[in-house]
Amino acid sequence: MQWASGETREGWLRAGVGMDFTAAVVANVAARLARREGRPGAYTPGALFGTNLAEEVNGQFLLDLDAT
């Protein structure tokens, strides 16, 4: 995973119930796009809004602290 700061780490995303997580991401992205927070082009939700998107909908990153 790569954060806006440029930091890169190997890790996993714990998202709980997959359907609930997916619905929360879709609702979050739709609300942001309605507020015109996006930019022109084709992006995945994470590429458009960053890694914080997953955390905002209660996802949890599990990072391998030994990876470089």
Protein backbone atom coordinates (compact mmCIF):
# COMPACT_ATOMS: atom_id res chain seq x y z
CA MET A 1 0.00 0.00 0.00
CA GLN A 2 1.13 3.54 -0.67
CA TRP A 3 -0.02 6.57 1.29
CA ALA A 4 -0.15 10.17 0.07
CA SER A 5 3.15 10.82 1.86
CA GLY A 6 4.83 8.29 -0.44
CA GLU A 7 5.29 5.72 2.34
CA THR A 8 4.89 2.19 1.03
CA ARG A 9 4.18 -0.87 3.14
CA GLU A 10 3.04 -4.43 2.58
CA GLY A 11 -0.23 -5.08 4.33
CA TRP A 12 -3.80 -6.23 4.29
CA LEU A 13 -7.16 -4.55 4.69
CA ARG A 14 -9.55 -5.93 7.29
CA ALA A 15 -12.99 -4.85 6.18
CA GLY A 16 -15.39 -6.90 8.30
CA VAL A 17 -18.48 -8.03 6.38
CA GLY A 18 -17.58 -7.56 2.72
CA MET A 19 -21.02 -6.47 1.54
CA ASP A 20 -21.35 -3.91 4.34
CA PHE A 21 -17.88 -2.52 3.62
CA THR A 22 -18.57 -2.30 -0.12
CA ALA A 23 -21.88 -0.51 0.46
CA ALA A 24 -20.21 1.96 2.84
CA VAL A 25 -17.46 2.71 0.31
CA VAL A 26 -20.02 3.27 -2.46
CA ALA A 27 -22.10 5.60 -0.26
CA ASN A 28 -19.00 7.54 0.84
CA VAL A 29 -17.74 7.94 -2.73
CA ALA A 30 -21.20 8.97 -4.02
CA ALA A 31 -21.48 11.64 -1.31
CA ARG A 32 -18.02 12.99 -2.12
CA LEU A 33 -18.74 13.09 -5.84
CA ALA A 34 -22.03 14.90 -5.14
CA ARG A 35 -19.99 17.52 -3.27
CA ARG A 36 -17.69 17.74 -6.32
CA GLU A 37 -14.67 16.45 -4.40
CA GLY A 38 -13.55 14.23 -7.29
CA ARG A 39 -11.54 15.09 -10.36
CA PRO A 40 -12.03 14.21 -14.03
CA GLY A 41 -10.89 10.79 -15.18
CA ALA A 42 -11.33 7.13 -14.36
CA TYR A 43 -10.09 6.01 -10.94
CA THR A 44 -10.65 3.32 -8.37
CA PRO A 45 -12.15 4.75 -5.16
CA GLY A 46 -8.81 4.34 -3.37
CA ALA A 47 -6.86 6.03 -6.15
CA LEU A 48 -9.28 8.96 -6.20
CA PHE A 49 -9.70 9.52 -2.46
CA GLY A 50 -6.66 7.82 -0.94
CA THR A 51 -6.13 5.21 1.73
CA ASN A 52 -8.13 7.21 4.28
CA LEU A 53 -11.30 6.18 2.44
CA ALA A 54 -11.06 2.63 3.78
CA GLU A 55 -10.47 3.87 7.31
CA GLU A 56 -13.39 6.30 7.09
CA VAL A 57 -15.76 3.37 6.53
CA ASN A 58 -14.27 1.35 9.41
CA GLY A 59 -11.67 -0.61 7.45
CA GLN A 60 -8.46 -1.42 9.29
CA PHE A 61 -5.02 -1.73 7.73
CA LEU A 62 -2.86 -4.55 9.04
CA LEU A 63 0.71 -3.66 8.14
CA ASP A 64 3.72 -5.92 7.97
CA LEU A 65 6.12 -3.85 10.04
CA ASP A 66 9.07 -6.03 8.98
CA ALA A 67 8.58 -5.37 5.25
CA THR A 68 10.63 -2.65 3.62
